[in-house]
Amino acid sequence: MIARIWHGRTDASKYESYSEFLRVTAIPDYKKTPGFQGLNFLRRISGKEAHFQLITYWQNLETIKNFAGDEIDKAKYYPEDQEFLLEFEEKVQHFELFAGWPAPATASFGPAQ
């Protein structure tokens, strides 16, 4: 399994609105993608900025192309991200998952289907 990790920053005032955008747009997009195994969206406020860390899980590197296209190291953005993000990081990171432990599904979007 491969973990794909992305980071984004917004103004702290957009913390909840960007979270909601991610819930209604990004998460369903990931869920419908072949090869997608699950995700963790992390968020925090630090001063005047909000940070979002997304970790998605995929069967293998090849299946990431179903979401990201052939350039799997390139970050994928939605047109609406223009309204929220302070910058557009060009690259994501990929790691092979070699160990893990499930955490309770307490987030409002629920577990991946």
Protein backbone atom coordinates (compact mmCIF):
# COMPACT_ATOMS: atom_id res chain seq x y z
CA MET A 1 0.00 0.00 0.00
CA ILE A 2 1.17 3.51 -0.81
CA ALA A 3 0.49 6.66 1.24
CA ARG A 4 0.25 9.91 -0.75
CA ILE A 5 0.81 13.01 1.39
CA TRP A 6 -0.23 16.58 0.54
CA HIS A 7 -0.07 19.80 2.56
CA GLY A 8 -2.01 23.04 2.11
CA ARG A 9 -2.38 26.35 3.98
CA THR A 10 -5.28 28.77 4.25
CA ASP A 11 -5.97 31.87 6.27
CA ALA A 12 -7.21 30.78 9.72
CA SER A 13 -10.53 32.50 9.00
CA LYS A 14 -11.17 29.90 6.28
CA TYR A 15 -10.51 26.90 8.53
CA GLU A 16 -14.10 25.67 8.71
CA SER A 17 -15.13 26.66 5.18
CA TYR A 18 -12.17 24.86 3.61
CA SER A 19 -12.81 21.84 5.81
CA GLU A 20 -16.38 21.75 4.54
CA PHE A 21 -15.22 22.08 0.93
CA LEU A 22 -12.91 19.12 1.44
CA ARG A 23 -15.74 17.09 2.99
CA VAL A 24 -18.18 17.69 0.15
CA THR A 25 -15.82 17.78 -2.85
CA ALA A 26 -12.46 16.13 -2.26
CA ILE A 27 -13.49 13.15 -0.14
CA PRO A 28 -16.21 11.94 -2.54
CA ASP A 29 -13.77 12.39 -5.43
CA TYR A 30 -11.23 10.17 -3.72
CA LYS A 31 -13.82 7.58 -2.72
CA LYS A 32 -14.94 7.01 -6.31
CA THR A 33 -11.39 6.50 -7.64
CA PRO A 34 -10.32 2.92 -8.45
CA GLY A 35 -7.40 1.83 -6.28
CA PHE A 36 -8.25 4.23 -3.42
CA GLN A 37 -8.04 2.53 -0.01
CA GLY A 38 -8.78 5.30 2.51
CA LEU A 39 -7.65 8.66 3.85
CA ASN A 40 -6.84 10.78 6.85
CA PHE A 41 -7.40 14.53 6.72
CA LEU A 42 -5.55 16.41 9.44
CA ARG A 43 -5.96 20.08 10.27
CA ARG A 44 -4.70 22.65 12.75
CA ILE A 45 -4.55 26.38 13.28
CA SER A 46 -1.16 27.97 13.86
CA GLY A 47 -1.38 31.71 14.42
CA LYS A 48 -3.13 33.31 11.47
CA GLU A 49 -2.85 30.24 9.25
CA ALA A 50 -4.64 26.93 9.03
CA HIS A 51 -2.71 23.87 7.88
CA PHE A 52 -4.25 20.86 6.20
CA GLN A 53 -2.41 17.57 5.79
CA LEU A 54 -3.99 14.90 3.62
CA ILE A 55 -2.82 11.31 3.65
CA THR A 56 -4.49 9.08 1.10
CA TYR A 57 -3.88 5.36 0.76
CA TRP A 58 -3.66 3.50 -2.55
CA GLN A 59 -3.23 -0.10 -3.65
CA ASN A 60 0.04 0.77 -5.43
CA LEU A 61 1.78 3.57 -7.34
CA GLU A 62 0.05 2.62 -10.59
CA THR A 63 -3.44 3.13 -9.11
CA ILE A 64 -2.55 6.68 -8.04
CA LYS A 65 -2.66 7.54 -11.75
CA ASN A 66 -6.44 7.00 -11.60
CA PHE A 67 -6.62 10.13 -9.46
CA ALA A 68 -3.53 12.20 -10.25
CA GLY A 69 -2.77 11.30 -13.86
CA ASP A 70 0.60 10.13 -15.18
CA GLU A 71 2.61 12.67 -13.14
CA ILE A 72 1.81 11.14 -9.77
CA ASP A 73 4.23 13.38 -7.86
CA LYS A 74 2.38 16.50 -9.01
CA ALA A 75 -0.24 17.85 -6.59
CA LYS A 76 -3.83 17.89 -7.84
CA TYR A 77 -5.99 20.93 -7.15
CA TYR A 78 -9.64 21.81 -7.63
CA PRO A 79 -10.68 25.15 -9.20
CA GLU A 80 -12.27 26.14 -5.86
CA ASP A 81 -8.88 25.87 -4.14
CA GLN A 82 -8.13 29.33 -5.56
CA GLU A 83 -10.61 30.74 -3.03
CA PHE A 84 -8.85 29.15 -0.07
CA LEU A 85 -5.19 28.27 -0.42
CA LEU A 86 -2.36 30.70 0.27
CA GLU A 87 0.00 28.83 -2.06
CA PHE A 88 -0.04 25.80 -4.31
CA GLU A 89 2.66 23.33 -3.41
CA GLU A 90 3.74 21.62 -6.61
CA LYS A 91 4.63 18.18 -5.29
CA VAL A 92 3.25 15.51 -3.00
CA GLN A 93 5.17 12.75 -1.29
CA HIS A 94 4.69 9.00 -1.57
CA PHE A 95 5.65 6.43 1.03
CA GLU A 96 5.27 2.69 1.14
CA LEU A 97 3.16 1.72 4.14
CA PHE A 98 4.88 -1.12 5.98
CA ALA A 99 3.06 -1.02 9.32
CA GLY A 100 -0.05 0.57 10.79
CA TRP A 101 -2.72 0.36 13.39
CA PRO A 102 -6.36 1.32 12.77
CA ALA A 103 -7.75 4.28 14.67
CA PRO A 104 -11.44 4.74 15.47
CA ALA A 105 -13.46 6.36 12.68
CA THR A 106 -14.66 9.46 14.52
CA ALA A 107 -14.47 12.07 11.77
CA SER A 108 -17.76 13.34 10.40
CA PHE A 109 -17.10 11.96 6.92
CA GLY A 110 -16.82 8.41 8.28
CA PRO A 111 -14.61 5.59 7.07
CA ALA A 112 -13.65 5.12 3.43
CA GLN A 113 -15.97 2.87 1.49
